[in-house]
PDB file of all heavy atoms in Angstrom:
ATOM      1  N   GLU A   1     -86.727  64.599  49.282  1.00  0.00           N
ATOM      2  CA  GLU A   1     -85.578  63.879  48.728  1.00  0.00           C
ATOM      3  C   GLU A   1     -86.000  62.557  48.094  1.00  0.00           C
ATOM      4  O   GLU A   1     -85.515  62.192  47.019  1.00  0.00           O
ATOM      5  CB  GLU A   1     -84.526  63.636  49.814  1.00  0.00           C
ATOM      6  CG  GLU A   1     -83.702  64.842  50.140  1.00  0.00           C
ATOM      7  CD  GLU A   1     -82.931  65.371  48.936  1.00  0.00           C
ATOM      8  OE1 GLU A   1     -82.245  64.592  48.251  1.00  0.00           O
ATOM      9  OE2 GLU A   1     -83.027  66.576  48.685  1.00  0.00           O
ATOM     10  N   ILE A   2     -86.900  61.846  48.739  1.00  0.00           N
ATOM     11  CA  ILE A   2     -87.391  60.583  48.175  1.00  0.00           C
ATOM     12  C   ILE A   2     -88.123  60.847  46.872  1.00  0.00           C
ATOM     13  O   ILE A   2     -87.922  60.135  45.876  1.00  0.00           O
ATOM     14  CB  ILE A   2     -88.303  59.855  49.188  1.00  0.00           C
ATOM     15  CG1 ILE A   2     -87.467  59.384  50.381  1.00  0.00           C
ATOM     16  CG2 ILE A   2     -89.030  58.687  48.529  1.00  0.00           C
ATOM     17  CD1 ILE A   2     -88.289  58.889  51.562  1.00  0.00           C
ATOM     18  N   ALA A   3     -88.946  61.879  46.832  1.00  0.00           N
ATOM     19  CA  ALA A   3     -89.666  62.235  45.603  1.00  0.00           C
ATOM     20  C   ALA A   3     -88.686  62.590  44.494  1.00  0.00           C
ATOM     21  O   ALA A   3     -88.856  62.165  43.345  1.00  0.00           O
ATOM     22  CB  ALA A   3     -90.613  63.404  45.871  1.00  0.00           C
ATOM     23  N   ARG A   4     -87.645  63.329  44.822  1.00  0.00           N
ATOM     24  CA  ARG A   4     -86.627  63.683  43.819  1.00  0.00           C
ATOM     25  C   ARG A   4     -85.907  62.446  43.308  1.00  0.00           C
ATOM     26  O   ARG A   4     -85.617  62.334  42.122  1.00  0.00           O
ATOM     27  CB  ARG A   4     -85.636  64.674  44.414  1.00  0.00           C
ATOM     28  CG  ARG A   4     -86.204  66.056  44.570  1.00  0.00           C
ATOM     29  CD  ARG A   4     -85.210  66.992  45.199  1.00  0.00           C
ATOM     30  NE  ARG A   4     -85.717  68.350  45.188  1.00  0.00           N
ATOM     31  CZ  ARG A   4     -85.109  69.363  45.762  1.00  0.00           C
ATOM     32  NH1 ARG A   4     -83.964  69.188  46.405  1.00  0.00           N
ATOM     33  NH2 ARG A   4     -85.631  70.573  45.702  1.00  0.00           N
ATOM     34  N   ASP A   5     -85.595  61.512  44.192  1.00  0.00           N
ATOM     35  CA  ASP A   5     -84.943  60.263  43.784  1.00  0.00           C
ATOM     36  C   ASP A   5     -85.826  59.488  42.802  1.00  0.00           C
ATOM     37  O   ASP A   5     -85.340  58.981  41.790  1.00  0.00           O
ATOM     38  CB  ASP A   5     -84.647  59.381  44.998  1.00  0.00           C
ATOM     39  CG  ASP A   5     -83.539  59.933  45.868  1.00  0.00           C
ATOM     40  OD1 ASP A   5     -82.765  60.799  45.405  1.00  0.00           O
ATOM     41  OD2 ASP A   5     -83.446  59.481  47.035  1.00  0.00           O
ATOM     42  N   ILE A   6     -87.100  59.408  43.107  1.00  0.00           N
ATOM     43  CA  ILE A   6     -88.039  58.683  42.243  1.00  0.00           C
ATOM     44  C   ILE A   6     -88.121  59.347  40.877  1.00  0.00           C
ATOM     45  O   ILE A   6     -88.080  58.670  39.837  1.00  0.00           O
ATOM     46  CB  ILE A   6     -89.427  58.593  42.906  1.00  0.00           C
ATOM     47  CG1 ILE A   6     -89.354  57.682  44.137  1.00  0.00           C
ATOM     48  CG2 ILE A   6     -90.479  58.088  41.917  1.00  0.00           C
ATOM     49  CD1 ILE A   6     -90.586  57.747  45.028  1.00  0.00           C
ATOM     50  N   LEU A   7     -88.222  60.658  40.861  1.00  0.00           N
ATOM     51  CA  LEU A   7     -88.289  61.390  39.590  1.00  0.00           C
ATOM     52  C   LEU A   7     -87.008  61.239  38.790  1.00  0.00           C
ATOM     53  O   LEU A   7     -87.040  61.053  37.573  1.00  0.00           O
ATOM     54  CB  LEU A   7     -88.591  62.866  39.839  1.00  0.00           C
ATOM     55  CG  LEU A   7     -90.010  63.175  40.281  1.00  0.00           C
ATOM     56  CD1 LEU A   7     -90.125  64.625  40.722  1.00  0.00           C
ATOM     57  CD2 LEU A   7     -90.993  62.874  39.161  1.00  0.00           C
ATOM     58  N   GLN A   8     -85.871  61.294  39.462  1.00  0.00           N
ATOM     59  CA  GLN A   8     -84.593  61.136  38.771  1.00  0.00           C
ATOM     60  C   GLN A   8     -84.513  59.756  38.115  1.00  0.00           C
ATOM     61  O   GLN A   8     -84.076  59.631  36.970  1.00  0.00           O
ATOM     62  CB  GLN A   8     -83.427  61.344  39.732  1.00  0.00           C
ATOM     63  CG  GLN A   8     -82.074  61.268  39.041  1.00  0.00           C
ATOM     64  CD  GLN A   8     -80.925  61.475  40.008  1.00  0.00           C
ATOM     65  OE1 GLN A   8     -81.073  61.316  41.213  1.00  0.00           O
ATOM     66  NE2 GLN A   8     -79.778  61.807  39.471  1.00  0.00           N
ATOM     67  N   ASP A   9     -84.944  58.729  38.804  1.00  0.00           N
ATOM     68  CA  ASP A   9     -84.949  57.379  38.244  1.00  0.00           C
ATOM     69  C   ASP A   9     -85.873  57.297  37.027  1.00  0.00           C
ATOM     70  O   ASP A   9     -85.521  56.702  36.008  1.00  0.00           O
ATOM     71  CB  ASP A   9     -85.387  56.354  39.286  1.00  0.00           C
ATOM     72  CG  ASP A   9     -84.327  56.100  40.340  1.00  0.00           C
ATOM     73  OD1 ASP A   9     -83.148  56.478  40.117  1.00  0.00           O
ATOM     74  OD2 ASP A   9     -84.668  55.527  41.386  1.00  0.00           O
ATOM     75  N   ALA A  10     -87.049  57.875  37.134  1.00  0.00           N
ATOM     76  CA  ALA A  10     -88.012  57.828  36.030  1.00  0.00           C
ATOM     77  C   ALA A  10     -87.475  58.554  34.797  1.00  0.00           C
ATOM     78  O   ALA A  10     -87.627  58.070  33.670  1.00  0.00           O
ATOM     79  CB  ALA A  10     -89.339  58.441  36.469  1.00  0.00           C
ATOM     80  N   ILE A  11     -86.835  59.681  35.012  1.00  0.00           N
ATOM     81  CA  ILE A  11     -86.257  60.428  33.897  1.00  0.00           C
ATOM     82  C   ILE A  11     -85.140  59.616  33.249  1.00  0.00           C
ATOM     83  O   ILE A  11     -85.032  59.549  32.025  1.00  0.00           O
ATOM     84  CB  ILE A  11     -85.748  61.805  34.372  1.00  0.00           C
ATOM     85  CG1 ILE A  11     -86.932  62.682  34.779  1.00  0.00           C
ATOM     86  CG2 ILE A  11     -84.917  62.483  33.294  1.00  0.00           C
ATOM     87  CD1 ILE A  11     -86.539  63.930  35.570  1.00  0.00           C
ATOM     88  N   GLY A  12     -84.323  58.966  34.061  1.00  0.00           N
ATOM     89  CA  GLY A  12     -83.215  58.160  33.541  1.00  0.00           C
ATOM     90  C   GLY A  12     -83.672  56.953  32.746  1.00  0.00           C
ATOM     91  O   GLY A  12     -82.984  56.491  31.840  1.00  0.00           O
ATOM     92  N   GLU A  13     -84.848  56.440  33.039  1.00  0.00           N
ATOM     93  CA  GLU A  13     -85.365  55.255  32.353  1.00  0.00           C
ATOM     94  C   GLU A  13     -86.268  55.604  31.166  1.00  0.00           C
ATOM     95  O   GLU A  13     -86.682  54.712  30.421  1.00  0.00           O
ATOM     96  CB  GLU A  13     -86.150  54.397  33.342  1.00  0.00           C
ATOM     97  CG  GLU A  13     -85.263  53.810  34.424  1.00  0.00           C
ATOM     98  CD  GLU A  13     -86.049  53.148  35.532  1.00  0.00           C
ATOM     99  OE1 GLU A  13     -87.290  53.193  35.509  1.00  0.00           O
ATOM    100  OE2 GLU A  13     -85.409  52.592  36.440  1.00  0.00           O
ATOM    101  N   ALA A  14     -86.570  56.860  30.957  1.00  0.00           N
ATOM    102  CA  ALA A  14     -87.512  57.280  29.908  1.00  0.00           C
ATOM    103  C   ALA A  14     -87.067  56.826  28.518  1.00  0.00           C
ATOM    104  O   ALA A  14     -87.890  56.404  27.706  1.00  0.00           O
ATOM    105  CB  ALA A  14     -87.689  58.795  29.932  1.00  0.00           C
ATOM    106  N   TYR A  15     -85.783  56.877  28.258  1.00  0.00           N
ATOM    107  CA  TYR A  15     -85.241  56.488  26.947  1.00  0.00           C
ATOM    108  C   TYR A  15     -85.643  55.060  26.576  1.00  0.00           C
ATOM    109  O   TYR A  15     -85.943  54.758  25.433  1.00  0.00           O
ATOM    110  CB  TYR A  15     -83.720  56.635  26.977  1.00  0.00           C
ATOM    111  CG  TYR A  15     -83.017  56.049  25.793  1.00  0.00           C
ATOM    112  CD1 TYR A  15     -82.910  56.760  24.609  1.00  0.00           C
ATOM    113  CD2 TYR A  15     -82.443  54.783  25.848  1.00  0.00           C
ATOM    114  CE1 TYR A  15     -82.251  56.230  23.511  1.00  0.00           C
ATOM    115  CE2 TYR A  15     -81.782  54.243  24.766  1.00  0.00           C
ATOM    116  CZ  TYR A  15     -81.691  54.974  23.591  1.00  0.00           C
ATOM    117  OH  TYR A  15     -81.060  54.445  22.507  1.00  0.00           O
ATOM    118  N   TYR A  16     -85.675  54.184  27.558  1.00  0.00           N
ATOM    119  CA  TYR A  16     -85.949  52.772  27.306  1.00  0.00           C
ATOM    120  C   TYR A  16     -87.427  52.473  27.072  1.00  0.00           C
ATOM    121  O   TYR A  16     -87.781  51.371  26.688  1.00  0.00           O
ATOM    122  CB  TYR A  16     -85.411  51.917  28.454  1.00  0.00           C
ATOM    123  CG  TYR A  16     -83.916  52.056  28.567  1.00  0.00           C
ATOM    124  CD1 TYR A  16     -83.344  52.849  29.555  1.00  0.00           C
ATOM    125  CD2 TYR A  16     -83.073  51.437  27.648  1.00  0.00           C
ATOM    126  CE1 TYR A  16     -81.967  52.998  29.644  1.00  0.00           C
ATOM    127  CE2 TYR A  16     -81.700  51.583  27.723  1.00  0.00           C
ATOM    128  CZ  TYR A  16     -81.155  52.362  28.720  1.00  0.00           C
ATOM    129  OH  TYR A  16     -79.800  52.513  28.795  1.00  0.00           O
ATOM    130  N   LYS A  17     -88.267  53.451  27.273  1.00  0.00           N
ATOM    131  CA  LYS A  17     -89.699  53.268  27.050  1.00  0.00           C
ATOM    132  C   LYS A  17     -90.090  53.566  25.602  1.00  0.00           C
ATOM    133  O   LYS A  17     -91.230  53.384  25.218  1.00  0.00           O
ATOM    134  CB  LYS A  17     -90.495  54.133  28.008  1.00  0.00           C
ATOM    135  CG  LYS A  17     -90.263  53.714  29.453  1.00  0.00           C
ATOM    136  CD  LYS A  17     -91.174  54.439  30.392  1.00  0.00           C
ATOM    137  CE  LYS A  17     -90.868  54.087  31.819  1.00  0.00           C
ATOM    138  NZ  LYS A  17     -91.335  52.802  32.237  1.00  0.00           N
ATOM    139  N   LEU A  18     -89.145  53.998  24.802  1.00  0.00           N
ATOM    140  CA  LEU A  18     -89.396  54.307  23.397  1.00  0.00           C
ATOM    141  C   LEU A  18     -89.638  53.010  22.620  1.00  0.00           C
ATOM    142  O   LEU A  18     -88.801  52.113  22.618  1.00  0.00           O
ATOM    143  CB  LEU A  18     -88.213  55.075  22.811  1.00  0.00           C
ATOM    144  CG  LEU A  18     -88.295  55.455  21.347  1.00  0.00           C
ATOM    145  CD1 LEU A  18     -89.504  56.356  21.090  1.00  0.00           C
ATOM    146  CD2 LEU A  18     -87.026  56.154  20.915  1.00  0.00           C
ATOM    147  N   ASP A  19     -90.778  52.914  21.985  1.00  0.00           N
ATOM    148  CA  ASP A  19     -91.146  51.739  21.188  1.00  0.00           C
ATOM    149  C   ASP A  19     -90.456  51.837  19.829  1.00  0.00           C
ATOM    150  O   ASP A  19     -90.931  52.523  18.929  1.00  0.00           O
ATOM    151  CB  ASP A  19     -92.664  51.675  21.024  1.00  0.00           C
ATOM    152  CG  ASP A  19     -93.128  50.424  20.307  1.00  0.00           C
ATOM    153  OD1 ASP A  19     -92.276  49.627  19.864  1.00  0.00           O
ATOM    154  OD2 ASP A  19     -94.354  50.249  20.189  1.00  0.00           O
ATOM    155  N   THR A  20     -89.319  51.147  19.686  1.00  0.00           N
ATOM    156  CA  THR A  20     -88.510  51.270  18.473  1.00  0.00           C
ATOM    157  C   THR A  20     -89.178  50.651  17.249  1.00  0.00           C
ATOM    158  O   THR A  20     -88.838  50.999  16.122  1.00  0.00           O
ATOM    159  CB  THR A  20     -87.121  50.640  18.668  1.00  0.00           C
ATOM    160  OG1 THR A  20     -87.276  49.283  19.079  1.00  0.00           O
ATOM    161  CG2 THR A  20     -86.331  51.415  19.712  1.00  0.00           C
ATOM    162  N   ASP A  21     -90.116  49.761  17.455  1.00  0.00           N
ATOM    163  CA  ASP A  21     -90.820  49.153  16.324  1.00  0.00           C
ATOM    164  C   ASP A  21     -91.870  50.098  15.737  1.00  0.00           C
ATOM    165  O   ASP A  21     -92.286  49.938  14.596  1.00  0.00           O
ATOM    166  CB  ASP A  21     -91.513  47.855  16.748  1.00  0.00           C
ATOM    167  CG  ASP A  21     -90.513  46.780  17.145  1.00  0.00           C
ATOM    168  OD1 ASP A  21     -89.381  46.795  16.622  1.00  0.00           O
ATOM    169  OD2 ASP A  21     -90.862  45.938  17.990  1.00  0.00           O
ATOM    170  N   LYS A  22     -92.252  51.064  16.506  1.00  0.00           N
ATOM    171  CA  LYS A  22     -93.336  51.966  16.109  1.00  0.00           C
ATOM    172  C   LYS A  22     -92.843  53.161  15.287  1.00  0.00           C
ATOM    173  O   LYS A  22     -93.602  53.746  14.536  1.00  0.00           O
ATOM    174  CB  LYS A  22     -94.049  52.463  17.374  1.00  0.00           C
ATOM    175  CG  LYS A  22     -95.302  53.232  17.130  1.00  0.00           C
ATOM    176  CD  LYS A  22     -95.984  53.553  18.445  1.00  0.00           C
ATOM    177  CE  LYS A  22     -97.250  54.342  18.238  1.00  0.00           C
ATOM    178  NZ  LYS A  22     -97.931  54.652  19.494  1.00  0.00           N
ATOM    179  N   TYR A  23     -91.553  53.517  15.431  1.00  0.00           N
ATOM    180  CA  TYR A  23     -91.025  54.722  14.796  1.00  0.00           C
ATOM    181  C   TYR A  23     -89.824  54.398  13.908  1.00  0.00           C
ATOM    182  O   TYR A  23     -89.055  53.490  14.194  1.00  0.00           O
ATOM    183  CB  TYR A  23     -90.599  55.735  15.861  1.00  0.00           C
ATOM    184  CG  TYR A  23     -91.712  56.088  16.815  1.00  0.00           C
ATOM    185  CD1 TYR A  23     -91.762  55.540  18.096  1.00  0.00           C
ATOM    186  CD2 TYR A  23     -92.716  56.950  16.437  1.00  0.00           C
ATOM    187  CE1 TYR A  23     -92.794  55.860  18.965  1.00  0.00           C
ATOM    188  CE2 TYR A  23     -93.750  57.279  17.300  1.00  0.00           C
ATOM    189  CZ  TYR A  23     -93.782  56.721  18.560  1.00  0.00           C
ATOM    190  OH  TYR A  23     -94.804  57.030  19.423  1.00  0.00           O
ATOM    191  N   SER A  24     -89.673  55.190  12.865  1.00  0.00           N
ATOM    192  CA  SER A  24     -88.510  55.029  11.981  1.00  0.00           C
ATOM    193  C   SER A  24     -87.256  55.500  12.719  1.00  0.00           C
ATOM    194  O   SER A  24     -87.345  56.130  13.782  1.00  0.00           O
ATOM    195  CB  SER A  24     -88.696  55.869  10.715  1.00  0.00           C
ATOM    196  OG  SER A  24     -88.610  57.254  11.028  1.00  0.00           O
ATOM    197  N   ASP A  25     -86.095  55.214  12.153  1.00  0.00           N
ATOM    198  CA  ASP A  25     -84.841  55.638  12.782  1.00  0.00           C
ATOM    199  C   ASP A  25     -84.778  57.156  12.924  1.00  0.00           C
ATOM    200  O   ASP A  25     -84.332  57.670  13.942  1.00  0.00           O
ATOM    201  CB  ASP A  25     -83.638  55.139  11.977  1.00  0.00           C
ATOM    202  CG  ASP A  25     -83.419  53.638  12.113  1.00  0.00           C
ATOM    203  OD1 ASP A  25     -83.990  53.033  13.053  1.00  0.00           O
ATOM    204  OD2 ASP A  25     -82.685  53.077  11.285  1.00  0.00           O
ATOM    205  N   ASP A  26     -85.209  57.870  11.883  1.00  0.00           N
ATOM    206  CA  ASP A  26     -85.201  59.335  11.947  1.00  0.00           C
ATOM    207  C   ASP A  26     -86.151  59.845  13.025  1.00  0.00           C
ATOM    208  O   ASP A  26     -85.826  60.783  13.767  1.00  0.00           O
ATOM    209  CB  ASP A  26     -85.587  59.945  10.598  1.00  0.00           C
ATOM    210  CG  ASP A  26     -84.503  59.770   9.541  1.00  0.00           C
ATOM    211  OD1 ASP A  26     -83.332  59.550   9.918  1.00  0.00           O
ATOM    212  OD2 ASP A  26     -84.832  59.860   8.349  1.00  0.00           O
ATOM    213  N   GLU A  27     -87.313  59.235  13.136  1.00  0.00           N
ATOM    214  CA  GLU A  27     -88.281  59.635  14.165  1.00  0.00           C
ATOM    215  C   GLU A  27     -87.725  59.340  15.559  1.00  0.00           C
ATOM    216  O   GLU A  27     -87.870  60.161  16.470  1.00  0.00           O
ATOM    217  CB  GLU A  27     -89.612  58.913  13.961  1.00  0.00           C
ATOM    218  CG  GLU A  27     -90.371  59.372  12.735  1.00  0.00           C
ATOM    219  CD  GLU A  27     -91.577  58.501  12.419  1.00  0.00           C
ATOM    220  OE1 GLU A  27     -91.537  57.280  12.692  1.00  0.00           O
ATOM    221  OE2 GLU A  27     -92.552  59.050  11.893  1.00  0.00           O
ATOM    222  N   GLN A  28     -87.085  58.197  15.695  1.00  0.00           N
ATOM    223  CA  GLN A  28     -86.484  57.839  16.986  1.00  0.00           C
ATOM    224  C   GLN A  28     -85.409  58.847  17.379  1.00  0.00           C
ATOM    225  O   GLN A  28     -85.347  59.273  18.537  1.00  0.00           O
ATOM    226  CB  GLN A  28     -85.873  56.446  16.923  1.00  0.00           C
ATOM    227  CG  GLN A  28     -86.885  55.338  16.859  1.00  0.00           C
ATOM    228  CD  GLN A  28     -86.219  53.990  16.755  1.00  0.00           C
ATOM    229  OE1 GLN A  28     -85.314  53.681  17.536  1.00  0.00           O
ATOM    230  NE2 GLN A  28     -86.645  53.183  15.801  1.00  0.00           N
ATOM    231  N   ASP A  29     -84.573  59.221  16.416  1.00  0.00           N
ATOM    232  CA  ASP A  29     -83.522  60.204  16.699  1.00  0.00           C
ATOM    233  C   ASP A  29     -84.113  61.522  17.167  1.00  0.00           C
ATOM    234  O   ASP A  29     -83.611  62.139  18.108  1.00  0.00           O
ATOM    235  CB  ASP A  29     -82.653  60.440  15.461  1.00  0.00           C
ATOM    236  CG  ASP A  29     -81.783  59.247  15.115  1.00  0.00           C
ATOM    237  OD1 ASP A  29     -81.590  58.364  15.983  1.00  0.00           O
ATOM    238  OD2 ASP A  29     -81.295  59.196  13.967  1.00  0.00           O
ATOM    239  N   LEU A  30     -85.181  61.962  16.523  1.00  0.00           N
ATOM    240  CA  LEU A  30     -85.830  63.209  16.896  1.00  0.00           C
ATOM    241  C   LEU A  30     -86.453  63.111  18.290  1.00  0.00           C
ATOM    242  O   LEU A  30     -86.302  64.019  19.119  1.00  0.00           O
ATOM    243  CB  LEU A  30     -86.896  63.581  15.863  1.00  0.00           C
ATOM    244  CG  LEU A  30     -87.587  64.924  16.039  1.00  0.00           C
ATOM    245  CD1 LEU A  30     -86.574  66.065  16.015  1.00  0.00           C
ATOM    246  CD2 LEU A  30     -88.633  65.111  14.960  1.00  0.00           C
ATOM    247  N   ILE A  31     -87.111  62.002  18.565  1.00  0.00           N
ATOM    248  CA  ILE A  31     -87.723  61.792  19.879  1.00  0.00           C
ATOM    249  C   ILE A  31     -86.646  61.760  20.963  1.00  0.00           C
ATOM    250  O   ILE A  31     -86.798  62.383  22.017  1.00  0.00           O
ATOM    251  CB  ILE A  31     -88.567  60.501  19.897  1.00  0.00           C
ATOM    252  CG1 ILE A  31     -89.790  60.665  18.982  1.00  0.00           C
ATOM    253  CG2 ILE A  31     -88.996  60.145  21.318  1.00  0.00           C
ATOM    254  CD1 ILE A  31     -90.524  59.371  18.694  1.00  0.00           C
TER     255      ILE A  31
END
């Protein structure tokens, strides 16, 4: 259960790890 909680948190935060300066808007949308 603890491992699942950790994974769920990591998945939920993945969106915020996207480097928006590195990719165009279209690339960001696709990612």
